[in-house]
Each structure stands twice: as structure tokens, then as C-alpha cells.
Amino acid sequence: MSLHQDGWSRGVALALALGCVSVGHADDAEIPTFPTELLGRPEGIAAGKAVFGQICKFCHGKSAYPGKAPKLNPSRYTPEFVYDRVTNGYRGMPSFREQFSEQERQAVVVYVMSREFSN
């Protein structure tokens, strides 16, 4: 399923069009907010799980421990924090700004923040 073929991209576009953009980052890129109605959307969770499975799981997945990267603890994060790390990287974690589209990075956030996420 393409992110462009479902309601996910329309929902994100609507949220961004309504001004749901906040927090500036050190490099002045805007970090979108993640309204509750977007965080719980099954198609966003599924899309994020697919993207996470392409690359993130190799450092943050069950088989990556111990040692590759910190175990993720979404209960301690905000969606904006996760988006910032995925987009801009942090310490040994590379930026995925060029590798994944904006919508794919947002979908990863939705998946990581969902109840379906486990690592």
C-alpha cells in the first residue's frame, strides 16, 4: 500500500495545512506536530512498521540487542522527539532525511508511538 494512496497522506497534509507545525530545530527545519487522530490511524501504523522494518530494526529491533543502539522506550518520548531523531540523527545514529520521505519519517513516528510497537 502506498502512502500516497490512502488517507494517511491526506490527514498529514490537512494537519500541516491547518498550522499544526511547531518546534524549530537547531537547523531551523520545522518539526510537525502529531495530532492524536493521526497517531492512532491503522494505515499510518502499518506504513511506519514497514519503514521501520526496512532499516530501523537492524539497530533497534529485538535481534539487535545488546549493543547496536539503545532500546527504544516510547513511553518516555514525544512524537516530535522521535521525528527529530529520525530526521536529523543523533550521535551515532545517522539522519534519514535523505533516505526516507517526510511521510515515511512521520509514519515511523506513528508506529514507534503506537501500542503495536515493540523492540
PDB file of N, CA and C in Angstrom:
ATOM      1  N   MET A   1       0.845  -1.172   0.000  1.00  0.00           N
ATOM      2  CA  MET A   1       0.000   0.000   0.000  1.00  0.00           C
ATOM      3  C   MET A   1       0.888   1.230   0.000  1.00  0.00           C
ATOM      4  N   SER A   2       0.647   2.143  -0.903  1.00  0.00           N
ATOM      5  CA  SER A   2       1.418   3.377  -0.988  1.00  0.00           C
ATOM      6  C   SER A   2       0.881   4.397  -0.009  1.00  0.00           C
ATOM      7  N   LEU A   3       1.782   5.150   0.588  1.00  0.00           N
ATOM      8  CA  LEU A   3       1.358   6.206   1.496  1.00  0.00           C
ATOM      9  C   LEU A   3       0.526   7.255   0.770  1.00  0.00           C
ATOM     10  N   HIS A   4       0.756   7.395  -0.526  1.00  0.00           N
ATOM     11  CA  HIS A   4       0.052   8.413  -1.289  1.00  0.00           C
ATOM     12  C   HIS A   4      -1.345   7.961  -1.688  1.00  0.00           C
ATOM     13  N   GLN A   5      -1.662   6.681  -1.543  1.00  0.00           N
ATOM     14  CA  GLN A   5      -2.939   6.154  -1.983  1.00  0.00           C
ATOM     15  C   GLN A   5      -3.960   6.077  -0.869  1.00  0.00           C
ATOM     16  N   ASP A   6      -3.601   6.362   0.346  1.00  0.00           N
ATOM     17  CA  ASP A   6      -4.549   6.222   1.435  1.00  0.00           C
ATOM     18  C   ASP A   6      -4.797   7.558   2.119  1.00  0.00           C
ATOM     19  N   GLY A   7      -5.577   7.527   3.149  1.00  0.00           N
ATOM     20  CA  GLY A   7      -5.928   8.725   3.882  1.00  0.00           C
ATOM     21  C   GLY A   7      -4.800   9.283   4.721  1.00  0.00           C
ATOM     22  N   TRP A   8      -3.754   8.511   4.926  1.00  0.00           N
ATOM     23  CA  TRP A   8      -2.639   8.975   5.756  1.00  0.00           C
ATOM     24  C   TRP A   8      -2.054  10.271   5.214  1.00  0.00           C
ATOM     25  N   SER A   9      -1.710  10.288   3.937  1.00  0.00           N
ATOM     26  CA  SER A   9      -1.080  11.491   3.377  1.00  0.00           C
ATOM     27  C   SER A   9      -2.055  12.660   3.384  1.00  0.00           C
ATOM     28  N   ARG A  10      -3.338  12.398   3.163  1.00  0.00           N
ATOM     29  CA  ARG A  10      -4.323  13.485   3.217  1.00  0.00           C
ATOM     30  C   ARG A  10      -4.451  14.015   4.638  1.00  0.00           C
ATOM     31  N   GLY A  11      -4.417  13.119   5.626  1.00  0.00           N
ATOM     32  CA  GLY A  11      -4.512  13.544   7.026  1.00  0.00           C
ATOM     33  C   GLY A  11      -3.318  14.367   7.448  1.00  0.00           C
ATOM     34  N   VAL A  12      -2.139  13.949   7.057  1.00  0.00           N
ATOM     35  CA  VAL A  12      -0.927  14.704   7.381  1.00  0.00           C
ATOM     36  C   VAL A  12      -0.972  16.053   6.675  1.00  0.00           C
ATOM     37  N   ALA A  13      -1.359  16.053   5.410  1.00  0.00           N
ATOM     38  CA  ALA A  13      -1.425  17.308   4.662  1.00  0.00           C
ATOM     39  C   ALA A  13      -2.432  18.265   5.310  1.00  0.00           C
ATOM     40  N   LEU A  14      -3.579  17.736   5.748  1.00  0.00           N
ATOM     41  CA  LEU A  14      -4.577  18.567   6.409  1.00  0.00           C
ATOM     42  C   LEU A  14      -4.031  19.142   7.706  1.00  0.00           C
ATOM     43  N   ALA A  15      -3.387  18.315   8.498  1.00  0.00           N
ATOM     44  CA  ALA A  15      -2.819  18.797   9.765  1.00  0.00           C
ATOM     45  C   ALA A  15      -1.786  19.889   9.521  1.00  0.00           C
ATOM     46  N   LEU A  16      -0.951  19.701   8.512  1.00  0.00           N
ATOM     47  CA  LEU A  16       0.063  20.705   8.211  1.00  0.00           C
ATOM     48  C   LEU A  16      -0.575  21.976   7.664  1.00  0.00           C
ATOM     49  N   ALA A  17      -1.609  21.819   6.846  1.00  0.00           N
ATOM     50  CA  ALA A  17      -2.292  22.984   6.284  1.00  0.00           C
ATOM     51  C   ALA A  17      -3.015  23.781   7.356  1.00  0.00           C
ATOM     52  N   LEU A  18      -3.480  23.114   8.398  1.00  0.00           N
ATOM     53  CA  LEU A  18      -4.186  23.792   9.480  1.00  0.00           C
ATOM     54  C   LEU A  18      -3.230  24.465  10.463  1.00  0.00           C
ATOM     55  N   GLY A  19      -1.944  24.397  10.156  1.00  0.00           N
ATOM     56  CA  GLY A  19      -0.986  25.078  11.007  1.00  0.00           C
ATOM     57  C   GLY A  19      -0.478  24.234  12.153  1.00  0.00           C
ATOM     58  N   CYS A  20      -0.596  22.943  12.053  1.00  0.00           N
ATOM     59  CA  CYS A  20      -0.120  22.052  13.106  1.00  0.00           C
ATOM     60  C   CYS A  20       1.373  21.810  12.949  1.00  0.00           C
ATOM     61  N   VAL A  21       2.113  22.879  12.831  1.00  0.00           N
ATOM     62  CA  VAL A  21       3.558  22.783  12.724  1.00  0.00           C
ATOM     63  C   VAL A  21       4.122  23.573  13.883  1.00  0.00           C
ATOM     64  N   SER A  22       5.111  22.979  14.554  1.00  0.00           N
ATOM     65  CA  SER A  22       5.634  23.644  15.734  1.00  0.00           C
ATOM     66  C   SER A  22       7.133  23.656  15.759  1.00  0.00           C
ATOM     67  N   VAL A  23       7.649  23.482  16.915  1.00  0.00           N
ATOM     68  CA  VAL A  23       9.027  23.409  17.348  1.00  0.00           C
ATOM     69  C   VAL A  23      10.070  23.572  16.248  1.00  0.00           C
ATOM     70  N   GLY A  24      10.873  24.594  16.310  1.00  0.00           N
ATOM     71  CA  GLY A  24      12.000  24.740  15.413  1.00  0.00           C
ATOM     72  C   GLY A  24      13.136  23.852  15.880  1.00  0.00           C
ATOM     73  N   HIS A  25      13.971  23.426  14.988  1.00  0.00           N
ATOM     74  CA  HIS A  25      15.132  22.581  15.321  1.00  0.00           C
ATOM     75  C   HIS A  25      16.388  23.402  15.143  1.00  0.00           C
ATOM     76  N   ALA A  26      17.478  22.872  15.606  1.00  0.00           N
ATOM     77  CA  ALA A  26      18.752  23.572  15.541  1.00  0.00           C
ATOM     78  C   ALA A  26      19.094  24.012  14.115  1.00  0.00           C
ATOM     79  N   ASP A  27      18.705  23.227  13.123  1.00  0.00           N
ATOM     80  CA  ASP A  27      18.994  23.630  11.753  1.00  0.00           C
ATOM     81  C   ASP A  27      17.796  24.339  11.117  1.00  0.00           C
ATOM     82  N   ASP A  28      16.897  24.832  11.948  1.00  0.00           N
ATOM     83  CA  ASP A  28      15.740  25.630  11.553  1.00  0.00           C
ATOM     84  C   ASP A  28      14.707  24.873  10.722  1.00  0.00           C
ATOM     85  N   ALA A  29      14.795  23.560  10.642  1.00  0.00           N
ATOM     86  CA  ALA A  29      13.751  22.785   9.983  1.00  0.00           C
ATOM     87  C   ALA A  29      12.551  22.718  10.916  1.00  0.00           C
ATOM     88  N   GLU A  30      11.372  22.748  10.358  1.00  0.00           N
ATOM     89  CA  GLU A  30      10.177  22.665  11.188  1.00  0.00           C
ATOM     90  C   GLU A  30       9.849  21.210  11.466  1.00  0.00           C
ATOM     91  N   ILE A  31       9.438  20.966  12.682  1.00  0.00           N
ATOM     92  CA  ILE A  31       9.056  19.623  13.089  1.00  0.00           C
ATOM     93  C   ILE A  31       7.541  19.609  13.218  1.00  0.00           C
ATOM     94  N   PRO A  32       6.853  18.747  12.474  1.00  0.00           N
ATOM     95  CA  PRO A  32       5.396  18.718  12.554  1.00  0.00           C
ATOM     96  C   PRO A  32       4.926  18.193  13.909  1.00  0.00           C
ATOM     97  N   THR A  33       3.769  18.651  14.320  1.00  0.00           N
ATOM     98  CA  THR A  33       3.148  18.063  15.496  1.00  0.00           C
ATOM     99  C   THR A  33       2.367  16.846  15.022  1.00  0.00           C
ATOM    100  N   PHE A  34       1.990  16.019  15.946  1.00  0.00           N
ATOM    101  CA  PHE A  34       1.303  14.781  15.610  1.00  0.00           C
ATOM    102  C   PHE A  34      -0.011  14.711  16.386  1.00  0.00           C
ATOM    103  N   PRO A  35      -1.084  15.241  15.796  1.00  0.00           N
ATOM    104  CA  PRO A  35      -2.376  15.199  16.474  1.00  0.00           C
ATOM    105  C   PRO A  35      -2.793  13.767  16.786  1.00  0.00           C
ATOM    106  N   THR A  36      -3.515  13.593  17.871  1.00  0.00           N
ATOM    107  CA  THR A  36      -3.943  12.268  18.328  1.00  0.00           C
ATOM    108  C   THR A  36      -4.629  11.472  17.227  1.00  0.00           C
ATOM    109  N   GLU A  37      -5.459  12.137  16.420  1.00  0.00           N
ATOM    110  CA  GLU A  37      -6.183  11.402  15.372  1.00  0.00           C
ATOM    111  C   GLU A  37      -5.237  10.826  14.325  1.00  0.00           C
ATOM    112  N   LEU A  38      -4.079  11.425  14.125  1.00  0.00           N
ATOM    113  CA  LEU A  38      -3.103  10.855  13.191  1.00  0.00           C
ATOM    114  C   LEU A  38      -2.301   9.738  13.843  1.00  0.00           C
ATOM    115  N   LEU A  39      -1.997   9.885  15.122  1.00  0.00           N
ATOM    116  CA  LEU A  39      -1.189   8.875  15.806  1.00  0.00           C
ATOM    117  C   LEU A  39      -1.878   7.518  15.886  1.00  0.00           C
ATOM    118  N   GLY A  40      -3.184   7.498  15.930  1.00  0.00           N
ATOM    119  CA  GLY A  40      -3.891   6.237  16.078  1.00  0.00           C
ATOM    120  C   GLY A  40      -4.367   5.601  14.794  1.00  0.00           C
ATOM    121  N   ARG A  41      -4.041   6.169  13.653  1.00  0.00           N
ATOM    122  CA  ARG A  41      -4.563   5.648  12.393  1.00  0.00           C
ATOM    123  C   ARG A  41      -3.874   4.350  11.992  1.00  0.00           C
ATOM    124  N   PRO A  42      -4.653   3.287  11.805  1.00  0.00           N
ATOM    125  CA  PRO A  42      -4.079   1.979  11.455  1.00  0.00           C
ATOM    126  C   PRO A  42      -3.198   2.008  10.211  1.00  0.00           C
ATOM    127  N   GLU A  43      -3.578   2.788   9.198  1.00  0.00           N
ATOM    128  CA  GLU A  43      -2.768   2.817   7.980  1.00  0.00           C
ATOM    129  C   GLU A  43      -1.426   3.504   8.226  1.00  0.00           C
ATOM    130  N   GLY A  44      -1.384   4.480   9.107  1.00  0.00           N
ATOM    131  CA  GLY A  44      -0.119   5.124   9.467  1.00  0.00           C
ATOM    132  C   GLY A  44       0.777   4.189  10.247  1.00  0.00           C
ATOM    133  N   ILE A  45       0.174   3.428  11.159  1.00  0.00           N
ATOM    134  CA  ILE A  45       0.933   2.449  11.942  1.00  0.00           C
ATOM    135  C   ILE A  45       1.525   1.387  11.017  1.00  0.00           C
ATOM    136  N   ALA A  46       0.708   0.885  10.102  1.00  0.00           N
ATOM    137  CA  ALA A  46       1.181  -0.141   9.168  1.00  0.00           C
ATOM    138  C   ALA A  46       2.289   0.394   8.267  1.00  0.00           C
ATOM    139  N   ALA A  47       2.135   1.612   7.786  1.00  0.00           N
ATOM    140  CA  ALA A  47       3.170   2.205   6.927  1.00  0.00           C
ATOM    141  C   ALA A  47       4.461   2.399   7.716  1.00  0.00           C
ATOM    142  N   GLY A  48       4.354   2.855   8.953  1.00  0.00           N
ATOM    143  CA  GLY A  48       5.534   3.051   9.786  1.00  0.00           C
ATOM    144  C   GLY A  48       6.234   1.757  10.123  1.00  0.00           C
ATOM    145  N   LYS A  49       5.449   0.718  10.353  1.00  0.00           N
ATOM    146  CA  LYS A  49       6.031  -0.602  10.645  1.00  0.00           C
ATOM    147  C   LYS A  49       6.829  -1.097   9.448  1.00  0.00           C
ATOM    148  N   ALA A  50       6.309  -0.866   8.258  1.00  0.00           N
ATOM    149  CA  ALA A  50       7.010  -1.287   7.044  1.00  0.00           C
ATOM    150  C   ALA A  50       8.334  -0.539   6.887  1.00  0.00           C
ATOM    151  N   VAL A  51       8.327   0.758   7.125  1.00  0.00           N
ATOM    152  CA  VAL A  51       9.561   1.543   7.015  1.00  0.00           C
ATOM    153  C   VAL A  51      10.540   1.129   8.108  1.00  0.00           C
ATOM    154  N   PHE A  52      10.056   0.977   9.336  1.00  0.00           N
ATOM    155  CA  PHE A  52      10.904   0.554  10.458  1.00  0.00           C
ATOM    156  C   PHE A  52      11.584  -0.774  10.127  1.00  0.00           C
ATOM    157  N   GLY A  53      10.828  -1.667   9.495  1.00  0.00           N
ATOM    158  CA  GLY A  53      11.361  -2.972   9.130  1.00  0.00           C
ATOM    159  C   GLY A  53      12.425  -2.929   8.052  1.00  0.00           C
ATOM    160  N   GLN A  54      12.467  -1.864   7.261  1.00  0.00           N
ATOM    161  CA  GLN A  54      13.465  -1.737   6.192  1.00  0.00           C
ATOM    162  C   GLN A  54      14.858  -1.464   6.738  1.00  0.00           C
ATOM    163  N   ILE A  55      14.958  -0.688   7.804  1.00  0.00           N
ATOM    164  CA  ILE A  55      16.293  -0.304   8.268  1.00  0.00           C
ATOM    165  C   ILE A  55      16.393  -0.146   9.785  1.00  0.00           C
ATOM    166  N   CYS A  56      15.407   0.418  10.424  1.00  0.00           N
ATOM    167  CA  CYS A  56      15.491   0.735  11.860  1.00  0.00           C
ATOM    168  C   CYS A  56      15.678  -0.516  12.715  1.00  0.00           C
ATOM    169  N   LYS A  57      15.022  -1.592  12.322  1.00  0.00           N
ATOM    170  CA  LYS A  57      15.049  -2.813  13.132  1.00  0.00           C
ATOM    171  C   LYS A  57      16.450  -3.406  13.268  1.00  0.00           C
ATOM    172  N   PHE A  58      17.331  -3.083  12.347  1.00  0.00           N
ATOM    173  CA  PHE A  58      18.663  -3.667  12.410  1.00  0.00           C
ATOM    174  C   PHE A  58      19.480  -3.113  13.577  1.00  0.00           C
ATOM    175  N   CYS A  59      19.130  -1.924  14.038  1.00  0.00           N
ATOM    176  CA  CYS A  59      19.797  -1.361  15.217  1.00  0.00           C
ATOM    177  C   CYS A  59      18.873  -1.313  16.432  1.00  0.00           C
ATOM    178  N   HIS A  60      17.570  -1.177  16.192  1.00  0.00           N
ATOM    179  CA  HIS A  60      16.626  -1.030  17.292  1.00  0.00           C
ATOM    180  C   HIS A  60      15.668  -2.209  17.438  1.00  0.00           C
ATOM    181  N   GLY A  61      15.833  -3.260  16.666  1.00  0.00           N
ATOM    182  CA  GLY A  61      14.936  -4.402  16.736  1.00  0.00           C
ATOM    183  C   GLY A  61      15.357  -5.418  17.780  1.00  0.00           C
ATOM    184  N   LYS A  62      14.503  -6.389  18.002  1.00  0.00           N
ATOM    185  CA  LYS A  62      14.742  -7.416  19.024  1.00  0.00           C
ATOM    186  C   LYS A  62      16.074  -8.137  18.834  1.00  0.00           C
ATOM    187  N   SER A  63      16.438  -8.416  17.610  1.00  0.00           N
ATOM    188  CA  SER A  63      17.667  -9.171  17.368  1.00  0.00           C
ATOM    189  C   SER A  63      18.919  -8.293  17.400  1.00  0.00           C
ATOM    190  N   ALA A  64      18.760  -6.983  17.572  1.00  0.00           N
ATOM    191  CA  ALA A  64      19.901  -6.070  17.564  1.00  0.00           C
ATOM    192  C   ALA A  64      20.560  -5.932  18.934  1.00  0.00           C
ATOM    193  N   TYR A  65      19.930  -6.451  19.976  1.00  0.00           N
ATOM    194  CA  TYR A  65      20.453  -6.257  21.335  1.00  0.00           C
ATOM    195  C   TYR A  65      21.306  -7.432  21.745  1.00  0.00           C
ATOM    196  N   PRO A  66      22.272  -7.219  22.573  1.00  0.00           N
ATOM    197  CA  PRO A  66      22.678  -5.924  23.130  1.00  0.00           C
ATOM    198  C   PRO A  66      23.699  -5.242  22.254  1.00  0.00           C
ATOM    199  N   GLY A  67      23.805  -3.959  22.390  1.00  0.00           N
ATOM    200  CA  GLY A  67      24.937  -3.240  21.870  1.00  0.00           C
ATOM    201  C   GLY A  67      24.810  -2.345  20.671  1.00  0.00           C
ATOM    202  N   LYS A  68      23.955  -2.635  19.708  1.00  0.00           N
ATOM    203  CA  LYS A  68      23.951  -1.818  18.495  1.00  0.00           C
ATOM    204  C   LYS A  68      23.454  -0.400  18.751  1.00  0.00           C
ATOM    205  N   ALA A  69      22.340  -0.278  19.418  1.00  0.00           N
ATOM    206  CA  ALA A  69      21.745   1.038  19.685  1.00  0.00           C
ATOM    207  C   ALA A  69      20.875   0.907  20.928  1.00  0.00           C
ATOM    208  N   PRO A  70      20.525   2.024  21.527  1.00  0.00           N
ATOM    209  CA  PRO A  70      19.666   1.937  22.718  1.00  0.00           C
ATOM    210  C   PRO A  70      18.322   1.298  22.392  1.00  0.00           C
ATOM    211  N   LYS A  71      17.816   0.556  23.342  1.00  0.00           N
ATOM    212  CA  LYS A  71      16.466   0.021  23.213  1.00  0.00           C
ATOM    213  C   LYS A  71      15.498   1.199  23.304  1.00  0.00           C
ATOM    214  N   LEU A  72      14.561   1.264  22.393  1.00  0.00           N
ATOM    215  CA  LEU A  72      13.629   2.381  22.370  1.00  0.00           C
ATOM    216  C   LEU A  72      12.594   2.236  23.475  1.00  0.00           C
ATOM    217  N   ASN A  73      12.254   3.352  24.086  1.00  0.00           N
ATOM    218  CA  ASN A  73      11.277   3.393  25.173  1.00  0.00           C
ATOM    219  C   ASN A  73      10.278   4.509  24.879  1.00  0.00           C
ATOM    220  N   PRO A  74       9.317   4.248  23.975  1.00  0.00           N
ATOM    221  CA  PRO A  74       8.402   5.298  23.531  1.00  0.00           C
ATOM    222  C   PRO A  74       7.628   5.978  24.650  1.00  0.00           C
ATOM    223  N   SER A  75       7.428   5.327  25.775  1.00  0.00           N
ATOM    224  CA  SER A  75       6.676   5.968  26.864  1.00  0.00           C
ATOM    225  C   SER A  75       7.418   7.182  27.412  1.00  0.00           C
ATOM    226  N   ARG A  76       8.691   7.287  27.119  1.00  0.00           N
ATOM    227  CA  ARG A  76       9.486   8.427  27.574  1.00  0.00           C
ATOM    228  C   ARG A  76       9.641   9.508  26.511  1.00  0.00           C
ATOM    229  N   TYR A  77       9.077   9.294  25.317  1.00  0.00           N
ATOM    230  CA  TYR A  77       9.283  10.194  24.192  1.00  0.00           C
ATOM    231  C   TYR A  77       8.009  10.929  23.810  1.00  0.00           C
ATOM    232  N   THR A  78       8.198  12.050  23.140  1.00  0.00           N
ATOM    233  CA  THR A  78       7.091  12.706  22.441  1.00  0.00           C
ATOM    234  C   THR A  78       7.236  12.344  20.966  1.00  0.00           C
ATOM    235  N   PRO A  79       6.157  12.416  20.212  1.00  0.00           N
ATOM    236  CA  PRO A  79       6.282  12.148  18.773  1.00  0.00           C
ATOM    237  C   PRO A  79       7.275  13.095  18.094  1.00  0.00           C
ATOM    238  N   GLU A  80       7.301  14.332  18.524  1.00  0.00           N
ATOM    239  CA  GLU A  80       8.209  15.302  17.923  1.00  0.00           C
ATOM    240  C   GLU A  80       9.674  14.935  18.184  1.00  0.00           C
ATOM    241  N   PHE A  81       9.956  14.400  19.362  1.00  0.00           N
ATOM    242  CA  PHE A  81      11.309  13.945  19.698  1.00  0.00           C
ATOM    243  C   PHE A  81      11.735  12.818  18.764  1.00  0.00           C
ATOM    244  N   VAL A  82      10.854  11.839  18.560  1.00  0.00           N
ATOM    245  CA  VAL A  82      11.162  10.711  17.685  1.00  0.00           C
ATOM    246  C   VAL A  82      11.383  11.204  16.259  1.00  0.00           C
ATOM    247  N   TYR A  83      10.505  12.095  15.802  1.00  0.00           N
ATOM    248  CA  TYR A  83      10.644  12.640  14.447  1.00  0.00           C
ATOM    249  C   TYR A  83      11.985  13.346  14.288  1.00  0.00           C
ATOM    250  N   ASP A  84      12.371  14.133  15.267  1.00  0.00           N
ATOM    251  CA  ASP A  84      13.642  14.852  15.210  1.00  0.00           C
ATOM    252  C   ASP A  84      14.814  13.880  15.099  1.00  0.00           C
ATOM    253  N   ARG A  85      14.795  12.815  15.881  1.00  0.00           N
ATOM    254  CA  ARG A  85      15.900  11.845  15.844  1.00  0.00           C
ATOM    255  C   ARG A  85      15.940  11.108  14.515  1.00  0.00           C
ATOM    256  N   VAL A  86      14.788  10.714  14.003  1.00  0.00           N
ATOM    257  CA  VAL A  86      14.746  10.005  12.722  1.00  0.00           C
ATOM    258  C   VAL A  86      15.201  10.933  11.591  1.00  0.00           C
ATOM    259  N   THR A  87      14.769  12.158  11.640  1.00  0.00           N
ATOM    260  CA  THR A  87      15.070  13.111  10.573  1.00  0.00           C
ATOM    261  C   THR A  87      16.509  13.619  10.628  1.00  0.00           C
ATOM    262  N   ASN A  88      16.972  13.970  11.821  1.00  0.00           N
ATOM    263  CA  ASN A  88      18.263  14.639  11.961  1.00  0.00           C
ATOM    264  C   ASN A  88      19.368  13.769  12.532  1.00  0.00           C
ATOM    265  N   GLY A  89      19.027  12.578  13.016  1.00  0.00           N
ATOM    266  CA  GLY A  89      20.027  11.717  13.629  1.00  0.00           C
ATOM    267  C   GLY A  89      20.439  12.233  14.998  1.00  0.00           C
ATOM    268  N   TYR A  90      21.314  11.480  15.642  1.00  0.00           N
ATOM    269  CA  TYR A  90      21.816  11.880  16.961  1.00  0.00           C
ATOM    270  C   TYR A  90      23.007  10.999  17.298  1.00  0.00           C
ATOM    271  N   ARG A  91      24.102  11.622  17.624  1.00  0.00           N
ATOM    272  CA  ARG A  91      25.344  10.916  17.937  1.00  0.00           C
ATOM    273  C   ARG A  91      25.663   9.897  16.848  1.00  0.00           C
ATOM    274  N   GLY A  92      25.633   8.607  17.167  1.00  0.00           N
ATOM    275  CA  GLY A  92      25.984   7.577  16.189  1.00  0.00           C
ATOM    276  C   GLY A  92      24.864   7.227  15.231  1.00  0.00           C
ATOM    277  N   MET A  93      23.673   7.748  15.463  1.00  0.00           N
ATOM    278  CA  MET A  93      22.542   7.451  14.578  1.00  0.00           C
ATOM    279  C   MET A  93      22.535   8.448  13.424  1.00  0.00           C
ATOM    280  N   PRO A  94      22.529   7.949  12.192  1.00  0.00           N
ATOM    281  CA  PRO A  94      22.529   8.871  11.045  1.00  0.00           C
ATOM    282  C   PRO A  94      21.165   9.520  10.836  1.00  0.00           C
ATOM    283  N   SER A  95      21.155  10.587  10.094  1.00  0.00           N
ATOM    284  CA  SER A  95      19.922  11.231   9.661  1.00  0.00           C
ATOM    285  C   SER A  95      19.297  10.379   8.552  1.00  0.00           C
ATOM    286  N   PHE A  96      17.980  10.285   8.561  1.00  0.00           N
ATOM    287  CA  PHE A  96      17.280   9.575   7.493  1.00  0.00           C
ATOM    288  C   PHE A  96      16.473  10.539   6.624  1.00  0.00           C
ATOM    289  N   ARG A  97      16.820  11.823   6.702  1.00  0.00           N
ATOM    290  CA  ARG A  97      16.140  12.875   5.928  1.00  0.00           C
ATOM    291  C   ARG A  97      16.203  12.585   4.428  1.00  0.00           C
ATOM    292  N   GLU A  98      17.339  12.119   3.947  1.00  0.00           N
ATOM    293  CA  GLU A  98      17.507  11.875   2.513  1.00  0.00           C
ATOM    294  C   GLU A  98      17.032  10.478   2.102  1.00  0.00           C
ATOM    295  N   GLN A  99      17.038   9.546   3.030  1.00  0.00           N
ATOM    296  CA  GLN A  99      16.684   8.174   2.698  1.00  0.00           C
ATOM    297  C   GLN A  99      15.176   7.939   2.672  1.00  0.00           C
ATOM    298  N   PHE A 100      14.465   8.603   3.574  1.00  0.00           N
ATOM    299  CA  PHE A 100      13.013   8.426   3.661  1.00  0.00           C
ATOM    300  C   PHE A 100      12.309   9.753   3.430  1.00  0.00           C
ATOM    301  N   SER A 101      11.149   9.684   2.807  1.00  0.00           N
ATOM    302  CA  SER A 101      10.357  10.892   2.578  1.00  0.00           C
ATOM    303  C   SER A 101       9.816  11.422   3.903  1.00  0.00           C
ATOM    304  N   GLU A 102       9.317  12.632   3.866  1.00  0.00           N
ATOM    305  CA  GLU A 102       8.681  13.243   5.038  1.00  0.00           C
ATOM    306  C   GLU A 102       7.571  12.336   5.568  1.00  0.00           C
ATOM    307  N   GLN A 103       6.731  11.840   4.670  1.00  0.00           N
ATOM    308  CA  GLN A 103       5.617  10.989   5.080  1.00  0.00           C
ATOM    309  C   GLN A 103       6.107   9.667   5.673  1.00  0.00           C
ATOM    310  N   GLU A 104       7.157   9.105   5.128  1.00  0.00           N
ATOM    311  CA  GLU A 104       7.696   7.865   5.679  1.00  0.00           C
ATOM    312  C   GLU A 104       8.275   8.093   7.071  1.00  0.00           C
ATOM    313  N   ARG A 105       8.963   9.208   7.272  1.00  0.00           N
ATOM    314  CA  ARG A 105       9.510   9.510   8.597  1.00  0.00           C
ATOM    315  C   ARG A 105       8.389   9.757   9.594  1.00  0.00           C
ATOM    316  N   GLN A 106       7.331  10.420   9.170  1.00  0.00           N
ATOM    317  CA  GLN A 106       6.188  10.627  10.046  1.00  0.00           C
ATOM    318  C   GLN A 106       5.512   9.300  10.377  1.00  0.00           C
ATOM    319  N   ALA A 107       5.438   8.404   9.411  1.00  0.00           N
ATOM    320  CA  ALA A 107       4.846   7.089   9.645  1.00  0.00           C
ATOM    321  C   ALA A 107       5.659   6.286  10.663  1.00  0.00           C
ATOM    322  N   VAL A 108       6.987   6.391  10.615  1.00  0.00           N
ATOM    323  CA  VAL A 108       7.830   5.725  11.612  1.00  0.00           C
ATOM    324  C   VAL A 108       7.470   6.226  13.003  1.00  0.00           C
ATOM    325  N   VAL A 109       7.267   7.527  13.129  1.00  0.00           N
ATOM    326  CA  VAL A 109       6.879   8.104  14.415  1.00  0.00           C
ATOM    327  C   VAL A 109       5.558   7.504  14.887  1.00  0.00           C
ATOM    328  N   VAL A 110       4.587   7.457  14.000  1.00  0.00           N
ATOM    329  CA  VAL A 110       3.279   6.913  14.358  1.00  0.00           C
ATOM    330  C   VAL A 110       3.414   5.466  14.835  1.00  0.00           C
ATOM    331  N   TYR A 111       4.221   4.674  14.145  1.00  0.00           N
ATOM    332  CA  TYR A 111       4.429   3.284  14.549  1.00  0.00           C
ATOM    333  C   TYR A 111       5.143   3.187  15.900  1.00  0.00           C
ATOM    334  N   VAL A 112       6.230   3.912  16.057  1.00  0.00           N
ATOM    335  CA  VAL A 112       7.001   3.831  17.309  1.00  0.00           C
ATOM    336  C   VAL A 112       6.149   4.273  18.499  1.00  0.00           C
ATOM    337  N   MET A 113       5.288   5.237  18.310  1.00  0.00           N
ATOM    338  CA  MET A 113       4.460   5.742  19.398  1.00  0.00           C
ATOM    339  C   MET A 113       3.196   4.908  19.616  1.00  0.00           C
ATOM    340  N   SER A 114       2.962   3.928  18.760  1.00  0.00           N
ATOM    341  CA  SER A 114       1.739   3.122  18.858  1.00  0.00           C
ATOM    342  C   SER A 114       1.878   1.989  19.867  1.00  0.00           C
ATOM    343  N   ARG A 115       0.758   1.426  20.238  1.00  0.00           N
ATOM    344  CA  ARG A 115       0.739   0.249  21.136  1.00  0.00           C
ATOM    345  C   ARG A 115       1.265  -0.994  20.436  1.00  0.00           C
ATOM    346  N   GLU A 116       1.284  -0.970  19.130  1.00  0.00           N
ATOM    347  CA  GLU A 116       1.766  -2.123  18.369  1.00  0.00           C
ATOM    348  C   GLU A 116       3.282  -2.237  18.340  1.00  0.00           C
ATOM    349  N   PHE A 117       3.966  -1.159  18.688  1.00  0.00           N
ATOM    350  CA  PHE A 117       5.425  -1.168  18.647  1.00  0.00           C
ATOM    351  C   PHE A 117       6.013  -1.991  19.784  1.00  0.00           C
ATOM    352  N   SER A 118       6.992  -2.789  19.439  1.00  0.00           N
ATOM    353  CA  SER A 118       7.787  -3.477  20.468  1.00  0.00           C
ATOM    354  C   SER A 118       9.178  -3.691  19.903  1.00  0.00           C
ATOM    355  N   ASN A 119      10.155  -3.647  20.790  1.00  0.00           N
ATOM    356  CA  ASN A 119      11.527  -3.891  20.343  1.00  0.00           C
ATOM    357  C   ASN A 119      12.312  -4.630  21.386  1.00  0.00           C
TER     358      ASN A 119
END
